[in-house]
Protein backbone atom coordinates (compact mmCIF):
# COMPACT_ATOMS: atom_id res chain seq x y z
CA MET A 1 -26.18 -0.57 -14.74
CA MET A 2 -26.39 -3.06 -11.87
CA HIS A 3 -29.25 -5.50 -11.47
CA SER A 4 -29.37 -8.17 -8.77
CA GLY A 5 -25.62 -7.91 -8.27
CA ARG A 6 -24.89 -8.44 -11.97
CA GLU A 7 -23.84 -5.87 -14.50
CA THR A 8 -25.96 -5.49 -17.60
CA GLY A 9 -25.02 -3.80 -20.87
CA ASN A 10 -21.70 -3.95 -22.64
CA ARG A 11 -18.40 -3.96 -20.76
CA GLY A 12 -17.44 -0.42 -21.81
CA ASP A 13 -20.67 1.06 -20.50
CA GLY A 14 -20.31 -0.86 -17.26
CA VAL A 15 -16.82 0.46 -16.53
CA GLU A 16 -17.80 4.00 -17.46
CA SER A 17 -20.98 3.92 -15.37
CA ARG A 18 -19.17 2.41 -12.38
CA THR A 19 -16.47 5.06 -12.64
CA ARG A 20 -19.10 7.78 -12.76
CA GLN A 21 -20.92 6.25 -9.77
CA CYS A 22 -17.69 6.05 -7.79
CA ALA A 23 -16.90 9.72 -8.55
CA GLU A 24 -20.39 10.66 -7.36
CA TRP A 25 -19.94 8.72 -4.11
CA ILE A 26 -16.60 10.45 -3.51
CA ALA A 27 -18.09 13.88 -4.23
CA GLU A 28 -20.99 13.22 -1.85
CA SER A 29 -18.86 11.64 0.89
CA VAL A 30 -18.35 13.29 4.23
CA ARG A 31 -15.70 10.89 5.59
CA LEU A 32 -13.96 9.11 2.75
CA VAL A 33 -11.75 6.20 3.81
CA VAL A 34 -9.47 4.71 1.15
CA PHE A 35 -7.71 1.33 1.34
CA THR A 36 -4.68 0.83 -0.92
CA GLY A 37 -2.42 -2.05 -1.74
CA ALA A 38 0.38 -2.83 -4.16
CA GLY A 39 -1.73 -1.93 -7.20
CA ILE A 40 -1.45 1.80 -6.53
CA SER A 41 2.34 1.61 -6.75
CA THR A 42 2.70 -0.49 -9.91
CA ASP A 43 2.71 2.65 -12.09
CA SER A 44 5.72 3.77 -10.03
CA GLY A 45 7.61 0.63 -11.05
CA LEU A 46 6.95 -1.66 -8.09
CA PRO A 47 5.61 -5.17 -8.75
CA ASP A 48 2.19 -6.20 -7.51
CA TYR A 49 1.60 -9.40 -5.56
CA ARG A 50 -1.36 -11.23 -7.07
CA GLY A 51 -1.37 -10.07 -10.71
CA PRO A 52 -0.40 -12.35 -13.62
CA ASP A 53 3.30 -11.62 -13.01
CA GLY A 54 2.97 -10.74 -9.32
CA VAL A 55 5.33 -11.70 -6.52
CA TRP A 56 3.00 -14.32 -4.97
CA THR A 57 1.81 -15.57 -8.39
CA ARG A 58 5.41 -16.22 -9.45
CA ARG A 59 6.26 -17.77 -6.07
CA ASP A 60 3.33 -20.18 -6.40
CA LYS A 61 4.66 -21.22 -9.84
CA GLY A 62 8.14 -21.81 -8.42
CA LEU A 63 9.54 -18.72 -10.15
CA PRO A 64 11.75 -15.98 -8.67
CA PRO A 65 10.18 -12.58 -7.91
CA PRO A 66 9.79 -10.24 -10.89
CA LYS A 67 12.72 -7.93 -11.59
CA MET A 68 12.19 -4.31 -10.63
CA LYS A 69 12.65 -1.76 -13.40
CA LYS A 70 14.23 0.71 -10.95
CA SER A 71 15.90 0.45 -7.58
CA ILE A 72 13.60 1.04 -4.61
CA ASP A 73 15.38 4.36 -3.97
CA GLU A 74 14.47 5.60 -7.48
CA ILE A 75 10.75 4.88 -7.12
CA GLU A 76 8.55 7.99 -7.06
CA PRO A 77 4.83 8.56 -6.40
CA ASN A 78 2.50 8.42 -9.39
CA ALA A 79 -0.90 9.78 -10.49
CA GLY A 80 -2.73 7.50 -8.05
CA HIS A 81 -0.82 8.99 -5.13
CA ALA A 82 -1.46 12.47 -6.56
CA ALA A 83 -5.20 11.79 -6.73
CA LEU A 84 -5.28 10.79 -3.06
CA PHE A 85 -3.29 13.91 -2.15
CA ASP A 86 -5.80 16.02 -4.11
CA LEU A 87 -8.67 14.40 -2.19
CA GLN A 88 -6.85 15.22 1.04
CA GLU A 89 -6.38 18.85 -0.01
CA MET A 90 -10.07 19.10 -1.00
CA GLY A 91 -11.00 17.96 2.51
CA LYS A 92 -12.51 14.73 1.20
CA LEU A 93 -9.94 12.16 2.37
CA TRP A 94 -10.68 11.42 6.02
CA PHE A 95 -8.39 8.40 6.42
CA LEU A 96 -6.06 6.25 4.32
CA ILE A 97 -5.30 2.61 5.12
CA SER A 98 -2.34 1.20 3.20
CA GLN A 99 -0.77 -2.24 2.97
CA ASN A 100 2.27 -0.70 1.28
CA VAL A 101 5.66 -0.19 2.88
CA ASP A 102 7.03 1.91 -0.01
CA ASP A 103 6.57 5.35 1.64
CA LEU A 104 5.04 6.80 -1.55
CA HIS A 105 1.88 8.13 0.13
CA LEU A 106 3.91 10.13 2.63
CA MET A 107 6.42 11.18 -0.04
CA PHE A 108 3.60 12.79 -1.99
CA GLY A 109 2.31 14.65 1.06
CA ILE A 110 -0.36 12.55 2.73
CA ARG A 111 -0.44 13.76 6.33
CA PRO A 112 0.95 11.10 8.71
CA GLU A 113 -1.96 11.52 11.12
CA ILE A 114 -4.49 10.31 8.54
CA ILE A 115 -2.67 7.17 7.38
CA ALA A 116 -2.41 3.68 8.86
CA GLU A 117 0.42 1.73 7.26
CA LEU A 118 -0.55 -1.83 8.13
CA HIS A 119 2.80 -3.39 7.30
CA GLY A 120 4.99 -0.47 8.37
CA ASN A 121 7.04 1.91 6.27
CA ARG A 122 10.49 1.15 4.89
CA ALA A 123 11.66 4.75 5.45
CA VAL A 124 10.59 4.85 9.09
CA MET A 125 11.78 1.45 10.28
CA LYS A 126 14.75 -0.37 8.81
CA CYS A 127 16.29 -3.67 9.80
CA SER A 128 20.05 -3.63 9.48
CA THR A 129 20.60 -7.31 10.31
CA SER A 130 17.37 -8.95 9.08
CA CYS A 131 16.25 -9.80 12.59
CA PHE A 132 15.68 -6.44 14.32
CA PHE A 133 12.66 -4.17 14.41
CA GLN A 134 11.71 -1.11 16.45
CA SER A 135 8.50 -0.55 18.39
CA ASN A 136 7.67 2.07 21.00
CA GLY A 137 11.30 3.10 21.27
CA TYR A 138 12.61 -0.44 21.79
CA ASP A 139 14.81 -2.45 19.44
CA TYR A 140 13.81 -6.12 19.15
CA CYS A 141 15.81 -9.01 17.78
CA LEU A 142 13.77 -11.82 16.26
CA SER A 143 16.58 -14.33 15.79
CA LYS A 144 15.83 -17.75 17.24
CA SER A 145 19.08 -17.91 19.22
CA ASN A 146 18.37 -14.61 20.98
CA ARG A 147 14.77 -15.63 21.78
CA GLU A 148 16.06 -18.86 23.34
CA ARG A 149 18.62 -16.93 25.40
CA GLY A 150 15.91 -14.48 26.48
CA THR A 151 17.70 -11.51 24.90
CA TRP A 152 15.14 -10.72 22.21
CA ASN A 153 14.55 -7.20 23.53
CA GLN A 154 17.88 -5.45 23.04
CA SER A 155 16.85 -2.15 24.69
CA GLU A 156 15.96 -3.41 28.15
């Protein structure tokens, strides 16, 4: 139960009641928008960024990134991705905003027209030399030497 922005009761009841409330909001929603980040893909074997052993947490402690349990090409969608797909199929999911580049939402069947991938998608755009990216049909080189020479747009 919530009171003045603070939860009352024991922790177990709070989590259960919040979960129930969230399920009710989803069931009653007309246009459900979901925002995902690295946390949805941790069950697939990808590291998170801000958790106790996350990429940024380790970086801030001067440690190397965590080791992945599988190669990126072996990573598969998980129950979280399945739940979002189910919401889409039920007609509940109106739009999905994702910070992830792992392609797992699309791999599981989220329709491309209802997703905004804020940081791109590793399967759609790949950099072969660490300084190129594609946008609107153009290949761009981000290397400092090419910017200085004025040749940063390789397609023109």
